[in-house]
PDB file of N, CA and C in Angstrom:
ATOM      1  N   MET A   1      59.444 157.533  30.846  1.00  0.00           N
ATOM      2  CA  MET A   1      59.179 158.079  32.240  1.00  0.00           C
ATOM      3  C   MET A   1      59.232 156.893  33.165  1.00  0.00           C
ATOM      4  N   ASP A   2      59.928 157.061  34.388  1.00  0.00           N
ATOM      5  CA  ASP A   2      60.067 156.055  35.329  1.00  0.00           C
ATOM      6  C   ASP A   2      58.681 155.834  35.959  1.00  0.00           C
ATOM      7  N   SER A   3      58.350 154.557  36.257  1.00  0.00           N
ATOM      8  CA  SER A   3      57.219 154.250  37.167  1.00  0.00           C
ATOM      9  C   SER A   3      57.430 154.618  38.529  1.00  0.00           C
ATOM     10  N   SER A   4      56.499 154.707  39.403  1.00  0.00           N
ATOM     11  CA  SER A   4      56.655 155.103  40.800  1.00  0.00           C
ATOM     12  C   SER A   4      57.449 154.013  41.496  1.00  0.00           C
ATOM     13  N   LEU A   5      57.370 152.805  41.066  1.00  0.00           N
ATOM     14  CA  LEU A   5      58.165 151.803  41.700  1.00  0.00           C
ATOM     15  C   LEU A   5      59.689 151.924  41.422  1.00  0.00           C
ATOM     16  N   GLU A   6      59.901 152.255  40.162  1.00  0.00           N
ATOM     17  CA  GLU A   6      61.281 152.541  39.780  1.00  0.00           C
ATOM     18  C   GLU A   6      61.875 153.776  40.461  1.00  0.00           C
ATOM     19  N   LYS A   7      61.076 154.846  40.691  1.00  0.00           N
ATOM     20  CA  LYS A   7      61.412 156.030  41.329  1.00  0.00           C
ATOM     21  C   LYS A   7      61.748 155.784  42.835  1.00  0.00           C
ATOM     22  N   GLY A   8      60.861 154.861  43.343  1.00  0.00           N
ATOM     23  CA  GLY A   8      61.114 154.464  44.812  1.00  0.00           C
ATOM     24  C   GLY A   8      62.398 153.695  45.008  1.00  0.00           C
ATOM     25  N   ARG A   9      62.576 152.744  44.045  1.00  0.00           N
ATOM     26  CA  ARG A   9      63.874 152.054  44.172  1.00  0.00           C
ATOM     27  C   ARG A   9      65.161 152.955  44.038  1.00  0.00           C
ATOM     28  N   LYS A  10      64.928 153.780  43.073  1.00  0.00           N
ATOM     29  CA  LYS A  10      66.111 154.653  42.795  1.00  0.00           C
ATOM     30  C   LYS A  10      66.395 155.501  44.049  1.00  0.00           C
ATOM     31  N   LEU A  11      65.314 156.071  44.697  1.00  0.00           N
ATOM     32  CA  LEU A  11      65.507 156.853  45.874  1.00  0.00           C
ATOM     33  C   LEU A  11      66.150 156.055  46.974  1.00  0.00           C
ATOM     34  N   LEU A  12      65.692 154.832  47.212  1.00  0.00           N
ATOM     35  CA  LEU A  12      66.219 154.013  48.269  1.00  0.00           C
ATOM     36  C   LEU A  12      67.685 153.502  48.056  1.00  0.00           C
ATOM     37  N   GLN A  13      68.134 153.568  46.803  1.00  0.00           N
ATOM     38  CA  GLN A  13      69.561 153.290  46.564  1.00  0.00           C
ATOM     39  C   GLN A  13      70.504 154.081  47.367  1.00  0.00           C
ATOM     40  N   ASP A  14      70.110 155.333  47.513  1.00  0.00           N
ATOM     41  CA  ASP A  14      70.968 156.280  48.204  1.00  0.00           C
ATOM     42  C   ASP A  14      70.787 156.339  49.797  1.00  0.00           C
ATOM     43  N   ILE A  15      69.587 156.002  50.258  1.00  0.00           N
ATOM     44  CA  ILE A  15      69.366 156.232  51.662  1.00  0.00           C
ATOM     45  C   ILE A  15      69.126 154.788  52.435  1.00  0.00           C
ATOM     46  N   ASP A  16      68.521 153.871  51.804  1.00  0.00           N
ATOM     47  CA  ASP A  16      68.301 152.484  52.478  1.00  0.00           C
ATOM     48  C   ASP A  16      67.977 151.426  51.427  1.00  0.00           C
ATOM     49  N   PRO A  17      69.238 151.028  50.750  1.00  0.00           N
ATOM     50  CA  PRO A  17      69.168 150.071  49.664  1.00  0.00           C
ATOM     51  C   PRO A  17      68.622 148.706  50.029  1.00  0.00           C
ATOM     52  N   GLU A  18      68.668 148.439  51.328  1.00  0.00           N
ATOM     53  CA  GLU A  18      68.256 147.109  51.816  1.00  0.00           C
ATOM     54  C   GLU A  18      66.802 146.991  52.217  1.00  0.00           C
ATOM     55  N   LEU A  19      66.110 148.100  52.401  1.00  0.00           N
ATOM     56  CA  LEU A  19      64.734 148.305  52.889  1.00  0.00           C
ATOM     57  C   LEU A  19      63.799 147.258  52.191  1.00  0.00           C
ATOM     58  N   GLU A  20      63.696 147.331  50.847  1.00  0.00           N
ATOM     59  CA  GLU A  20      62.701 146.503  50.117  1.00  0.00           C
ATOM     60  C   GLU A  20      63.015 145.068  50.378  1.00  0.00           C
ATOM     61  N   SER A  21      64.167 144.476  50.480  1.00  0.00           N
ATOM     62  CA  SER A  21      64.438 143.136  50.771  1.00  0.00           C
ATOM     63  C   SER A  21      64.125 142.834  52.285  1.00  0.00           C
ATOM     64  N   ILE A  22      64.349 143.686  53.228  1.00  0.00           N
ATOM     65  CA  ILE A  22      64.035 143.455  54.565  1.00  0.00           C
ATOM     66  C   ILE A  22      62.450 143.459  54.747  1.00  0.00           C
ATOM     67  N   LEU A  23      61.791 144.335  54.147  1.00  0.00           N
ATOM     68  CA  LEU A  23      60.246 144.356  54.127  1.00  0.00           C
ATOM     69  C   LEU A  23      59.801 143.083  53.522  1.00  0.00           C
ATOM     70  N   ALA A  24      60.354 142.620  52.402  1.00  0.00           N
ATOM     71  CA  ALA A  24      59.823 141.461  51.699  1.00  0.00           C
ATOM     72  C   ALA A  24      60.029 140.185  52.663  1.00  0.00           C
ATOM     73  N   GLU A  25      61.151 140.075  53.353  1.00  0.00           N
ATOM     74  CA  GLU A  25      61.377 138.883  54.177  1.00  0.00           C
ATOM     75  C   GLU A  25      60.372 138.867  55.426  1.00  0.00           C
ATOM     76  N   ARG A  26      60.162 140.079  55.874  1.00  0.00           N
ATOM     77  CA  ARG A  26      59.310 140.158  57.012  1.00  0.00           C
ATOM     78  C   ARG A  26      57.787 140.031  56.801  1.00  0.00           C
ATOM     79  N   TYR A  27      57.321 140.552  55.659  1.00  0.00           N
ATOM     80  CA  TYR A  27      55.888 140.669  55.448  1.00  0.00           C
ATOM     81  C   TYR A  27      55.297 140.081  54.126  1.00  0.00           C
ATOM     82  N   ASP A  28      56.049 139.795  53.166  1.00  0.00           N
ATOM     83  CA  ASP A  28      55.568 139.297  51.922  1.00  0.00           C
ATOM     84  C   ASP A  28      54.825 138.034  52.056  1.00  0.00           C
ATOM     85  N   HIS A  29      55.182 137.157  53.058  1.00  0.00           N
ATOM     86  CA  HIS A  29      54.595 135.856  53.227  1.00  0.00           C
ATOM     87  C   HIS A  29      53.143 136.027  53.741  1.00  0.00           C
ATOM     88  N   LEU A  30      52.956 137.260  54.460  1.00  0.00           N
ATOM     89  CA  LEU A  30      51.642 137.596  55.064  1.00  0.00           C
ATOM     90  C   LEU A  30      50.788 138.313  54.028  1.00  0.00           C
ATOM     91  N   VAL A  31      51.419 139.281  53.261  1.00  0.00           N
ATOM     92  CA  VAL A  31      50.678 139.981  52.336  1.00  0.00           C
ATOM     93  C   VAL A  31      51.596 140.042  51.042  1.00  0.00           C
ATOM     94  N   PRO A  32      51.306 139.241  50.033  1.00  0.00           N
ATOM     95  CA  PRO A  32      52.147 139.229  48.814  1.00  0.00           C
ATOM     96  C   PRO A  32      52.272 140.588  48.298  1.00  0.00           C
ATOM     97  N   GLU A  33      53.558 140.910  47.868  1.00  0.00           N
ATOM     98  CA  GLU A  33      54.022 142.114  47.290  1.00  0.00           C
ATOM     99  C   GLU A  33      53.927 143.315  48.331  1.00  0.00           C
ATOM    100  N   PHE A  34      53.899 143.051  49.532  1.00  0.00           N
ATOM    101  CA  PHE A  34      53.974 144.073  50.540  1.00  0.00           C
ATOM    102  C   PHE A  34      55.063 145.008  50.351  1.00  0.00           C
ATOM    103  N   ALA A  35      56.235 144.464  50.316  1.00  0.00           N
ATOM    104  CA  ALA A  35      57.400 145.340  50.127  1.00  0.00           C
ATOM    105  C   ALA A  35      57.408 146.240  48.957  1.00  0.00           C
ATOM    106  N   GLU A  36      57.055 145.553  47.821  1.00  0.00           N
ATOM    107  CA  GLU A  36      56.911 146.360  46.528  1.00  0.00           C
ATOM    108  C   GLU A  36      55.968 147.499  46.590  1.00  0.00           C
ATOM    109  N   SER A  37      54.789 147.176  47.370  1.00  0.00           N
ATOM    110  CA  SER A  37      53.803 148.156  47.466  1.00  0.00           C
ATOM    111  C   SER A  37      54.331 149.371  48.212  1.00  0.00           C
ATOM    112  N   VAL A  38      55.074 149.169  49.360  1.00  0.00           N
ATOM    113  CA  VAL A  38      55.566 150.188  50.279  1.00  0.00           C
ATOM    114  C   VAL A  38      56.491 151.015  49.409  1.00  0.00           C
ATOM    115  N   VAL A  39      57.490 150.380  48.668  1.00  0.00           N
ATOM    116  CA  VAL A  39      58.467 151.122  47.911  1.00  0.00           C
ATOM    117  C   VAL A  39      57.657 151.878  46.738  1.00  0.00           C
ATOM    118  N   ASP A  40      56.737 151.406  46.197  1.00  0.00           N
ATOM    119  CA  ASP A  40      55.925 152.006  45.140  1.00  0.00           C
ATOM    120  C   ASP A  40      55.188 153.246  45.686  1.00  0.00           C
ATOM    121  N   MET A  41      54.391 153.087  46.726  1.00  0.00           N
ATOM    122  CA  MET A  41      53.544 154.119  47.343  1.00  0.00           C
ATOM    123  C   MET A  41      54.341 155.130  48.169  1.00  0.00           C
ATOM    124  N   ALA A  42      55.049 154.688  49.161  1.00  0.00           N
ATOM    125  CA  ALA A  42      55.739 155.547  50.095  1.00  0.00           C
ATOM    126  C   ALA A  42      56.835 156.255  49.489  1.00  0.00           C
ATOM    127  N   TYR A  43      57.778 155.515  48.753  1.00  0.00           N
ATOM    128  CA  TYR A  43      58.928 156.116  48.297  1.00  0.00           C
ATOM    129  C   TYR A  43      58.824 156.575  46.914  1.00  0.00           C
ATOM    130  N   GLY A  44      58.073 155.896  46.062  1.00  0.00           N
ATOM    131  CA  GLY A  44      58.000 156.330  44.564  1.00  0.00           C
ATOM    132  C   GLY A  44      56.968 157.402  44.392  1.00  0.00           C
ATOM    133  N   ARG A  45      55.819 157.381  45.090  1.00  0.00           N
ATOM    134  CA  ARG A  45      54.837 158.296  44.921  1.00  0.00           C
ATOM    135  C   ARG A  45      54.726 159.436  45.888  1.00  0.00           C
ATOM    136  N   MET A  46      55.316 159.280  47.096  1.00  0.00           N
ATOM    137  CA  MET A  46      55.382 160.383  48.060  1.00  0.00           C
ATOM    138  C   MET A  46      56.874 160.925  48.198  1.00  0.00           C
ATOM    139  N   TYR A  47      57.782 160.169  48.677  1.00  0.00           N
ATOM    140  CA  TYR A  47      59.049 160.802  48.985  1.00  0.00           C
ATOM    141  C   TYR A  47      59.756 161.314  47.770  1.00  0.00           C
ATOM    142  N   ALA A  48      59.520 160.672  46.593  1.00  0.00           N
ATOM    143  CA  ALA A  48      60.210 161.180  45.354  1.00  0.00           C
ATOM    144  C   ALA A  48      59.432 162.218  44.654  1.00  0.00           C
ATOM    145  N   ARG A  49      58.337 162.739  45.162  1.00  0.00           N
ATOM    146  CA  ARG A  49      57.569 163.887  44.571  1.00  0.00           C
ATOM    147  C   ARG A  49      58.535 165.066  44.485  1.00  0.00           C
ATOM    148  N   GLU A  50      58.194 165.931  43.554  1.00  0.00           N
ATOM    149  CA  GLU A  50      58.750 167.235  43.433  1.00  0.00           C
ATOM    150  C   GLU A  50      58.115 168.198  44.408  1.00  0.00           C
ATOM    151  N   GLY A  51      58.792 169.268  44.655  1.00  0.00           N
ATOM    152  CA  GLY A  51      58.165 170.160  45.604  1.00  0.00           C
ATOM    153  C   GLY A  51      58.862 170.359  46.983  1.00  0.00           C
ATOM    154  N   LEU A  52      59.374 169.267  47.387  1.00  0.00           N
ATOM    155  CA  LEU A  52      60.272 169.149  48.695  1.00  0.00           C
ATOM    156  C   LEU A  52      61.329 168.260  48.498  1.00  0.00           C
ATOM    157  N   ASP A  53      62.541 168.662  49.046  1.00  0.00           N
ATOM    158  CA  ASP A  53      63.670 167.720  48.891  1.00  0.00           C
ATOM    159  C   ASP A  53      63.643 166.633  49.941  1.00  0.00           C
ATOM    160  N   ILE A  54      64.303 165.548  49.713  1.00  0.00           N
ATOM    161  CA  ILE A  54      64.244 164.358  50.537  1.00  0.00           C
ATOM    162  C   ILE A  54      64.565 164.684  51.968  1.00  0.00           C
ATOM    163  N   LYS A  55      65.494 165.634  52.280  1.00  0.00           N
ATOM    164  CA  LYS A  55      65.845 165.952  53.609  1.00  0.00           C
ATOM    165  C   LYS A  55      64.551 166.624  54.393  1.00  0.00           C
ATOM    166  N   THR A  56      63.859 167.386  53.722  1.00  0.00           N
ATOM    167  CA  THR A  56      62.666 168.129  54.286  1.00  0.00           C
ATOM    168  C   THR A  56      61.625 167.069  54.433  1.00  0.00           C
ATOM    169  N   ARG A  57      61.387 166.198  53.537  1.00  0.00           N
ATOM    170  CA  ARG A  57      60.261 165.055  53.642  1.00  0.00           C
ATOM    171  C   ARG A  57      60.671 164.167  54.859  1.00  0.00           C
ATOM    172  N   LEU A  58      61.991 163.833  55.022  1.00  0.00           N
ATOM    173  CA  LEU A  58      62.315 162.989  56.182  1.00  0.00           C
ATOM    174  C   LEU A  58      62.095 163.735  57.542  1.00  0.00           C
ATOM    175  N   LEU A  59      62.402 164.874  57.518  1.00  0.00           N
ATOM    176  CA  LEU A  59      62.179 165.797  58.772  1.00  0.00           C
ATOM    177  C   LEU A  59      60.755 165.762  59.037  1.00  0.00           C
ATOM    178  N   ALA A  60      59.910 166.035  58.136  1.00  0.00           N
ATOM    179  CA  ALA A  60      58.480 166.062  58.265  1.00  0.00           C
ATOM    180  C   ALA A  60      57.982 164.645  58.816  1.00  0.00           C
ATOM    181  N   THR A  61      58.619 163.620  58.250  1.00  0.00           N
ATOM    182  CA  THR A  61      58.205 162.249  58.688  1.00  0.00           C
ATOM    183  C   THR A  61      58.611 162.093  60.214  1.00  0.00           C
ATOM    184  N   ILE A  62      59.729 162.460  60.554  1.00  0.00           N
ATOM    185  CA  ILE A  62      60.219 162.431  62.014  1.00  0.00           C
ATOM    186  C   ILE A  62      59.343 163.149  62.877  1.00  0.00           C
ATOM    187  N   ALA A  63      59.015 164.366  62.399  1.00  0.00           N
ATOM    188  CA  ALA A  63      58.012 165.202  63.243  1.00  0.00           C
ATOM    189  C   ALA A  63      56.661 164.425  63.408  1.00  0.00           C
ATOM    190  N   ALA A  64      56.139 163.877  62.384  1.00  0.00           N
ATOM    191  CA  ALA A  64      54.889 163.191  62.521  1.00  0.00           C
ATOM    192  C   ALA A  64      54.903 162.017  63.299  1.00  0.00           C
ATOM    193  N   LEU A  65      55.967 161.176  63.184  1.00  0.00           N
ATOM    194  CA  LEU A  65      56.139 160.025  64.025  1.00  0.00           C
ATOM    195  C   LEU A  65      56.334 160.336  65.477  1.00  0.00           C
ATOM    196  N   THR A  66      57.031 161.360  65.734  1.00  0.00           N
ATOM    197  CA  THR A  66      57.249 161.866  67.074  1.00  0.00           C
ATOM    198  C   THR A  66      55.963 162.271  67.736  1.00  0.00           C
ATOM    199  N   ALA A  67      55.102 162.975  67.045  1.00  0.00           N
ATOM    200  CA  ALA A  67      53.886 163.398  67.569  1.00  0.00           C
ATOM    201  C   ALA A  67      52.918 162.240  67.765  1.00  0.00           C
ATOM    202  N   LEU A  68      52.865 161.289  66.993  1.00  0.00           N
ATOM    203  CA  LEU A  68      52.152 160.110  67.029  1.00  0.00           C
ATOM    204  C   LEU A  68      52.384 159.237  68.376  1.00  0.00           C
ATOM    205  N   GLY A  69      53.606 159.324  68.869  1.00  0.00           N
ATOM    206  CA  GLY A  69      53.937 158.615  70.086  1.00  0.00           C
ATOM    207  C   GLY A  69      54.838 157.403  69.978  1.00  0.00           C
ATOM    208  N   ALA A  70      55.080 156.799  71.137  1.00  0.00           N
ATOM    209  CA  ALA A  70      55.997 155.788  71.343  1.00  0.00           C
ATOM    210  C   ALA A  70      55.754 154.636  70.488  1.00  0.00           C
ATOM    211  N   GLN A  71      54.492 154.346  70.071  1.00  0.00           N
ATOM    212  CA  GLN A  71      54.161 153.190  69.280  1.00  0.00           C
ATOM    213  C   GLN A  71      54.925 153.162  67.936  1.00  0.00           C
ATOM    214  N   THR A  72      55.489 154.381  67.522  1.00  0.00           N
ATOM    215  CA  THR A  72      56.143 154.509  66.186  1.00  0.00           C
ATOM    216  C   THR A  72      57.666 154.449  66.262  1.00  0.00           C
ATOM    217  N   ALA A  73      58.183 154.014  67.482  1.00  0.00           N
ATOM    218  CA  ALA A  73      59.624 153.977  67.633  1.00  0.00           C
ATOM    219  C   ALA A  73      60.326 153.127  66.521  1.00  0.00           C
ATOM    220  N   PRO A  74      59.871 152.019  66.061  1.00  0.00           N
ATOM    221  CA  PRO A  74      60.662 151.315  65.004  1.00  0.00           C
ATOM    222  C   PRO A  74      60.758 152.188  63.645  1.00  0.00           C
ATOM    223  N   GLN A  75      59.684 152.673  63.302  1.00  0.00           N
ATOM    224  CA  GLN A  75      59.596 153.475  62.031  1.00  0.00           C
ATOM    225  C   GLN A  75      60.411 154.731  62.308  1.00  0.00           C
ATOM    226  N   LEU A  76      60.328 155.326  63.447  1.00  0.00           N
ATOM    227  CA  LEU A  76      61.035 156.560  63.769  1.00  0.00           C
ATOM    228  C   LEU A  76      62.590 156.279  63.579  1.00  0.00           C
ATOM    229  N   LYS A  77      63.075 155.205  64.119  1.00  0.00           N
ATOM    230  CA  LYS A  77      64.496 154.877  63.915  1.00  0.00           C
ATOM    231  C   LYS A  77      64.883 154.619  62.558  1.00  0.00           C
ATOM    232  N   VAL A  78      64.109 153.980  61.690  1.00  0.00           N
ATOM    233  CA  VAL A  78      64.393 153.874  60.293  1.00  0.00           C
ATOM    234  C   VAL A  78      64.454 155.223  59.598  1.00  0.00           C
ATOM    235  N   ASN A  79      63.528 156.173  59.975  1.00  0.00           N
ATOM    236  CA  ASN A  79      63.525 157.407  59.300  1.00  0.00           C
ATOM    237  C   ASN A  79      64.719 158.366  59.792  1.00  0.00           C
ATOM    238  N   ILE A  80      65.028 158.223  61.082  1.00  0.00           N
ATOM    239  CA  ILE A  80      66.216 158.974  61.573  1.00  0.00           C
ATOM    240  C   ILE A  80      67.414 158.466  60.865  1.00  0.00           C
ATOM    241  N   THR A  81      67.592 157.224  60.770  1.00  0.00           N
ATOM    242  CA  THR A  81      68.678 156.555  59.970  1.00  0.00           C
ATOM    243  C   THR A  81      68.840 157.071  58.621  1.00  0.00           C
ATOM    244  N   ASN A  82      67.736 157.066  57.931  1.00  0.00           N
ATOM    245  CA  ASN A  82      67.572 157.482  56.501  1.00  0.00           C
ATOM    246  C   ASN A  82      67.860 158.966  56.500  1.00  0.00           C
ATOM    247  N   ALA A  83      67.376 159.756  57.456  1.00  0.00           N
ATOM    248  CA  ALA A  83      67.697 161.288  57.446  1.00  0.00           C
ATOM    249  C   ALA A  83      69.089 161.507  57.483  1.00  0.00           C
ATOM    250  N   LEU A  84      69.883 160.829  58.369  1.00  0.00           N
ATOM    251  CA  LEU A  84      71.205 160.944  58.475  1.00  0.00           C
ATOM    252  C   LEU A  84      71.955 160.646  57.179  1.00  0.00           C
ATOM    253  N   LYS A  85      71.486 159.476  56.636  1.00  0.00           N
ATOM    254  CA  LYS A  85      72.169 159.248  55.238  1.00  0.00           C
ATOM    255  C   LYS A  85      71.875 160.269  54.144  1.00  0.00           C
ATOM    256  N   ALA A  86      70.677 160.928  54.239  1.00  0.00           N
ATOM    257  CA  ALA A  86      70.335 161.968  53.288  1.00  0.00           C
ATOM    258  C   ALA A  86      71.079 163.311  53.573  1.00  0.00           C
ATOM    259  N   GLY A  87      71.846 163.368  54.690  1.00  0.00           N
ATOM    260  CA  GLY A  87      72.583 164.687  55.002  1.00  0.00           C
ATOM    261  C   GLY A  87      71.959 165.472  56.055  1.00  0.00           C
ATOM    262  N   VAL A  88      70.896 165.040  56.755  1.00  0.00           N
ATOM    263  CA  VAL A  88      70.313 165.918  57.855  1.00  0.00           C
ATOM    264  C   VAL A  88      71.181 165.765  58.958  1.00  0.00           C
ATOM    265  N   SER A  89      71.485 166.803  59.651  1.00  0.00           N
ATOM    266  CA  SER A  89      72.302 166.705  60.934  1.00  0.00           C
ATOM    267  C   SER A  89      71.584 166.197  62.167  1.00  0.00           C
ATOM    268  N   LYS A  90      72.343 165.796  63.094  1.00  0.00           N
ATOM    269  CA  LYS A  90      71.808 165.236  64.360  1.00  0.00           C
ATOM    270  C   LYS A  90      71.095 166.448  65.029  1.00  0.00           C
ATOM    271  N   ARG A  91      71.673 167.603  64.931  1.00  0.00           N
ATOM    272  CA  ARG A  91      71.100 168.802  65.632  1.00  0.00           C
ATOM    273  C   ARG A  91      69.631 169.122  64.944  1.00  0.00           C
ATOM    274  N   GLU A  92      69.581 169.070  63.642  1.00  0.00           N
ATOM    275  CA  GLU A  92      68.301 169.319  62.896  1.00  0.00           C
ATOM    276  C   GLU A  92      67.287 168.266  63.366  1.00  0.00           C
ATOM    277  N   ILE A  93      67.644 166.963  63.458  1.00  0.00           N
ATOM    278  CA  ILE A  93      66.724 165.977  63.882  1.00  0.00           C
ATOM    279  C   ILE A  93      66.246 166.160  65.337  1.00  0.00           C
ATOM    280  N   CYS A  94      67.164 166.551  66.159  1.00  0.00           N
ATOM    281  CA  CYS A  94      66.702 166.804  67.652  1.00  0.00           C
ATOM    282  C   CYS A  94      65.917 167.967  67.789  1.00  0.00           C
ATOM    283  N   GLU A  95      66.159 168.980  66.928  1.00  0.00           N
ATOM    284  CA  GLU A  95      65.340 170.142  67.031  1.00  0.00           C
ATOM    285  C   GLU A  95      63.875 169.993  66.548  1.00  0.00           C
ATOM    286  N   VAL A  96      63.757 169.239  65.511  1.00  0.00           N
ATOM    287  CA  VAL A  96      62.476 168.736  65.025  1.00  0.00           C
ATOM    288  C   VAL A  96      61.780 167.923  66.102  1.00  0.00           C
ATOM    289  N   ILE A  97      62.423 167.038  66.722  1.00  0.00           N
ATOM    290  CA  ILE A  97      61.865 166.210  67.760  1.00  0.00           C
ATOM    291  C   ILE A  97      61.308 167.058  68.805  1.00  0.00           C
ATOM    292  N   PHE A  98      62.269 168.023  69.362  1.00  0.00           N
ATOM    293  CA  PHE A  98      61.978 168.882  70.379  1.00  0.00           C
ATOM    294  C   PHE A  98      60.745 169.767  70.062  1.00  0.00           C
ATOM    295  N   GLN A  99      60.670 170.239  68.861  1.00  0.00           N
ATOM    296  CA  GLN A  99      59.574 171.095  68.463  1.00  0.00           C
ATOM    297  C   GLN A  99      58.240 170.288  68.650  1.00  0.00           C
ATOM    298  N   MET A 100      58.118 168.991  68.525  1.00  0.00           N
ATOM    299  CA  MET A 100      57.007 168.317  68.502  1.00  0.00           C
ATOM    300  C   MET A 100      56.409 168.238  70.088  1.00  0.00           C
ATOM    301  N   THR A 101      57.164 168.708  71.027  1.00  0.00           N
ATOM    302  CA  THR A 101      56.650 168.636  72.341  1.00  0.00           C
ATOM    303  C   THR A 101      55.381 169.390  72.367  1.00  0.00           C
ATOM    304  N   LEU A 102      55.299 170.479  71.690  1.00  0.00           N
ATOM    305  CA  LEU A 102      54.044 171.349  71.423  1.00  0.00           C
ATOM    306  C   LEU A 102      52.803 170.609  70.985  1.00  0.00           C
ATOM    307  N   TYR A 103      53.073 169.553  70.201  1.00  0.00           N
ATOM    308  CA  TYR A 103      51.971 168.820  69.487  1.00  0.00           C
ATOM    309  C   TYR A 103      51.700 167.358  69.996  1.00  0.00           C
ATOM    310  N   GLY A 104      52.726 166.749  70.419  1.00  0.00           N
ATOM    311  CA  GLY A 104      52.692 165.345  70.945  1.00  0.00           C
ATOM    312  C   GLY A 104      52.854 165.225  72.387  1.00  0.00           C
ATOM    313  N   GLY A 105      53.406 166.268  73.020  1.00  0.00           N
ATOM    314  CA  GLY A 105      53.693 166.347  74.426  1.00  0.00           C
ATOM    315  C   GLY A 105      55.006 165.895  74.831  1.00  0.00           C
ATOM    316  N   PHE A 106      55.305 166.064  76.162  1.00  0.00           N
ATOM    317  CA  PHE A 106      56.703 165.715  76.544  1.00  0.00           C
ATOM    318  C   PHE A 106      56.968 164.186  76.490  1.00  0.00           C
ATOM    319  N   PRO A 107      56.118 163.293  76.780  1.00  0.00           N
ATOM    320  CA  PRO A 107      56.430 161.898  76.741  1.00  0.00           C
ATOM    321  C   PRO A 107      56.736 161.485  75.346  1.00  0.00           C
ATOM    322  N   ALA A 108      55.925 161.918  74.370  1.00  0.00           N
ATOM    323  CA  ALA A 108      56.320 161.576  73.020  1.00  0.00           C
ATOM    324  C   ALA A 108      57.639 162.179  72.548  1.00  0.00           C
ATOM    325  N   MET A 109      57.926 163.335  72.986  1.00  0.00           N
ATOM    326  CA  MET A 109      59.204 164.046  72.531  1.00  0.00           C
ATOM    327  C   MET A 109      60.346 163.193  73.180  1.00  0.00           C
ATOM    328  N   VAL A 110      60.293 162.874  74.501  1.00  0.00           N
ATOM    329  CA  VAL A 110      61.292 162.135  75.180  1.00  0.00           C
ATOM    330  C   VAL A 110      61.467 160.732  74.580  1.00  0.00           C
ATOM    331  N   ASN A 111      60.439 160.058  74.228  1.00  0.00           N
ATOM    332  CA  ASN A 111      60.481 158.704  73.541  1.00  0.00           C
ATOM    333  C   ASN A 111      61.278 158.866  72.242  1.00  0.00           C
ATOM    334  N   ALA A 112      60.870 159.931  71.488  1.00  0.00           N
ATOM    335  CA  ALA A 112      61.457 160.024  70.208  1.00  0.00           C
ATOM    336  C   ALA A 112      63.018 160.529  70.279  1.00  0.00           C
ATOM    337  N   MET A 113      63.315 161.203  71.426  1.00  0.00           N
ATOM    338  CA  MET A 113      64.703 161.689  71.575  1.00  0.00           C
ATOM    339  C   MET A 113      65.518 160.401  72.026  1.00  0.00           C
ATOM    340  N   ASN A 114      64.939 159.540  72.737  1.00  0.00           N
ATOM    341  CA  ASN A 114      65.599 158.268  73.081  1.00  0.00           C
ATOM    342  C   ASN A 114      65.783 157.432  71.839  1.00  0.00           C
ATOM    343  N   ALA A 115      64.922 157.328  70.924  1.00  0.00           N
ATOM    344  CA  ALA A 115      65.046 156.663  69.682  1.00  0.00           C
ATOM    345  C   ALA A 115      66.246 157.312  68.933  1.00  0.00           C
ATOM    346  N   ALA A 116      66.238 158.590  68.890  1.00  0.00           N
ATOM    347  CA  ALA A 116      67.391 159.303  68.206  1.00  0.00           C
ATOM    348  C   ALA A 116      68.671 158.915  68.802  1.00  0.00           C
ATOM    349  N   LYS A 117      68.722 159.075  70.062  1.00  0.00           N
ATOM    350  CA  LYS A 117      70.009 158.646  70.791  1.00  0.00           C
ATOM    351  C   LYS A 117      70.453 157.163  70.437  1.00  0.00           C
ATOM    352  N   ASP A 118      69.586 156.226  70.367  1.00  0.00           N
ATOM    353  CA  ASP A 118      69.861 154.899  70.029  1.00  0.00           C
ATOM    354  C   ASP A 118      70.464 154.941  68.578  1.00  0.00           C
ATOM    355  N   VAL A 119      69.792 155.580  67.661  1.00  0.00           N
ATOM    356  CA  VAL A 119      70.377 155.595  66.334  1.00  0.00           C
ATOM    357  C   VAL A 119      71.677 156.169  66.277  1.00  0.00           C
ATOM    358  N   PHE A 120      71.932 157.420  66.914  1.00  0.00           N
ATOM    359  CA  PHE A 120      73.204 158.005  66.843  1.00  0.00           C
ATOM    360  C   PHE A 120      74.229 157.133  67.329  1.00  0.00           C
ATOM    361  N   LYS A 121      73.976 156.415  68.545  1.00  0.00           N
ATOM    362  CA  LYS A 121      74.912 155.498  69.080  1.00  0.00           C
ATOM    363  C   LYS A 121      75.261 154.336  68.127  1.00  0.00           C
ATOM    364  N   GLU A 122      74.203 153.762  67.487  1.00  0.00           N
ATOM    365  CA  GLU A 122      74.434 152.698  66.505  1.00  0.00           C
ATOM    366  C   GLU A 122      75.293 153.237  65.296  1.00  0.00           C
ATOM    367  N   GLN A 123      75.118 154.462  64.929  1.00  0.00           N
ATOM    368  CA  GLN A 123      75.910 155.051  63.710  1.00  0.00           C
ATOM    369  C   GLN A 123      77.299 155.249  64.185  1.00  0.00           C
ATOM    370  N   GLU A 124      77.468 155.719  65.420  1.00  0.00           N
ATOM    371  CA  GLU A 124      78.930 155.954  65.924  1.00  0.00           C
ATOM    372  C   GLU A 124      79.712 154.643  65.921  1.00  0.00           C
ATOM    373  N   ALA A 125      78.978 153.472  66.123  1.00  0.00           N
ATOM    374  CA  ALA A 125      79.605 152.295  66.363  1.00  0.00           C
ATOM    375  C   ALA A 125      80.044 151.665  64.970  1.00  0.00           C
ATOM    376  N   LEU A 126      79.613 152.141  63.925  1.00  0.00           N
ATOM    377  CA  LEU A 126      79.839 151.559  62.533  1.00  0.00           C
ATOM    378  C   LEU A 126      81.309 151.995  62.071  1.00  0.00           C
TER     379      LEU A 126
END
């Protein structure tokens, strides 16, 4: 049976294969094994769980980050990018963001929509 770290790494191979090394470069000198812990906990224990597919989990994450507000913009962009890689459509992403107007308010929704627009523009440039 795969460990949660192995499951997390396997999942990231399809949607964000560079994430662990990016996290390690940014944070491991501050908190040893930071990147490994994120991959283990977030991706191996949460995103790789049975019960929801990865697309649904990423849409739920986008919804939560939207409702939390503008301070989550960097994480929102990463999750929007990963959702696109997992096969979520731009329309689905925008509809989830728009739905969060009811829970996070208009400013949070507009900020998240701007983050989505930035990601879409970056993706088109590739």
